[in-house]
Amino acid sequence: MDGMQMQQSNTATCLGHHCTVLFGVSDTDVLHAETRKEKFQNPIGWVVENGCGSYSSANVEVLHKNYDGSYDINTFFLNPMLMQVRIFIL
């Protein structure tokens, strides 16, 4: 578990340094937690149902190519951004 936590931390740090490029936002967009939440919550799957918010595991914009607002097995894991993420974390 310690190794997985270290890998997760390293990946998060690496992606944090490149998130402005990945998401096409400015450096100031990532400085404050509230701004980050506002900018990124929808692309990474935040949904509110019956007044409760949570993250979807499949209906996520950054996981789909040409996302149309819903899960599509034919476009899942085909977002070109995922290839950039892979490059950034290697």
Protein backbone atom coordinates (compact mmCIF):
# COMPACT_ATOMS: atom_id res chain seq x y z
CA MET A 1 0.00 0.00 0.00
CA ASP A 2 2.86 2.40 0.75
CA GLY A 3 4.20 1.94 -2.78
CA MET A 4 0.80 2.64 -4.30
CA GLN A 5 0.36 5.76 -2.19
CA MET A 6 3.78 7.00 -3.27
CA GLN A 7 2.94 6.34 -6.94
CA GLN A 8 -0.39 8.13 -6.58
CA SER A 9 1.34 11.09 -4.98
CA ASN A 10 4.01 11.23 -7.69
CA THR A 11 1.38 11.01 -10.43
CA ALA A 12 -0.76 13.74 -8.86
CA THR A 13 2.28 16.02 -8.52
CA CYS A 14 3.36 15.41 -12.11
CA LEU A 15 -0.14 16.03 -13.48
CA GLY A 16 -0.47 19.11 -11.31
CA HIS A 17 2.52 20.62 -13.04
CA HIS A 18 0.96 19.98 -16.46
CA CYS A 19 -2.76 20.49 -15.79
CA THR A 20 -2.79 23.94 -17.40
CA VAL A 21 -1.66 22.39 -20.68
CA LEU A 22 -3.99 19.39 -20.37
CA PHE A 23 -7.10 21.36 -19.55
CA GLY A 24 -6.27 24.51 -21.50
CA VAL A 25 -6.50 26.83 -18.49
CA SER A 26 -4.25 29.58 -17.19
CA ASP A 27 -1.83 29.35 -14.28
CA THR A 28 -4.11 31.56 -12.20
CA ASP A 29 -6.96 29.06 -12.67
CA VAL A 30 -5.10 26.49 -10.58
CA LEU A 31 -3.87 28.72 -7.74
CA HIS A 32 -6.94 28.50 -5.48
CA ALA A 33 -8.97 25.45 -4.50
CA GLU A 34 -12.35 27.05 -5.26
CA THR A 35 -11.22 28.08 -8.74
CA ARG A 36 -9.83 24.59 -9.43
CA LYS A 37 -13.09 23.03 -8.27
CA GLU A 38 -15.11 25.35 -10.50
CA LYS A 39 -12.91 24.73 -13.57
CA PHE A 40 -12.37 20.98 -13.23
CA GLN A 41 -15.31 19.40 -11.40
CA ASN A 42 -17.44 18.83 -14.49
CA PRO A 43 -14.70 17.49 -16.81
CA ILE A 44 -13.62 14.96 -14.16
CA GLY A 45 -17.11 13.61 -13.52
CA TRP A 46 -18.74 15.56 -10.68
CA VAL A 47 -22.49 14.90 -10.63
CA VAL A 48 -25.22 15.98 -8.24
CA GLU A 49 -28.20 13.71 -7.74
CA ASN A 50 -30.92 14.28 -5.14
CA GLY A 51 -28.88 17.10 -3.62
CA CYS A 52 -25.79 14.93 -3.06
CA GLY A 53 -22.59 15.32 -5.07
CA SER A 54 -20.15 12.59 -6.03
CA TYR A 55 -17.78 11.62 -8.81
CA SER A 56 -18.95 9.30 -11.55
CA SER A 57 -16.62 6.48 -12.47
CA ALA A 58 -17.67 6.21 -16.11
CA ASN A 59 -19.72 9.24 -17.16
CA VAL A 60 -16.64 11.45 -17.25
CA GLU A 61 -15.75 13.97 -19.94
CA VAL A 62 -11.99 13.44 -19.79
CA LEU A 63 -12.42 9.71 -20.42
CA HIS A 64 -14.45 10.08 -23.63
CA LYS A 65 -13.52 11.19 -27.11
CA ASN A 66 -16.04 13.81 -28.32
CA TYR A 67 -18.02 13.65 -25.06
CA ASP A 68 -21.74 14.32 -25.57
CA GLY A 69 -22.77 14.43 -21.91
CA SER A 70 -23.28 10.73 -21.32
CA TYR A 71 -21.33 7.49 -21.09
CA ASP A 72 -20.63 5.87 -24.46
CA ILE A 73 -18.81 2.54 -24.62
CA ASN A 74 -17.63 3.40 -28.16
CA THR A 75 -15.73 6.53 -27.07
CA PHE A 76 -14.71 5.50 -23.51
CA PHE A 77 -10.94 5.77 -22.85
CA LEU A 78 -10.40 7.32 -26.29
CA ASN A 79 -9.94 10.97 -25.29
CA PRO A 80 -6.62 12.16 -26.77
CA MET A 81 -5.96 13.93 -23.47
CA LEU A 82 -5.39 10.50 -21.90
CA MET A 83 -2.43 9.97 -24.20
CA GLN A 84 -0.98 13.29 -23.02
CA VAL A 85 -1.50 12.24 -19.41
CA ARG A 86 0.39 9.03 -20.09
CA ILE A 87 3.27 10.99 -21.60
CA PHE A 88 3.38 13.42 -18.65
CA ILE A 89 3.54 10.68 -16.01
CA LEU A 90 6.21 8.58 -17.68
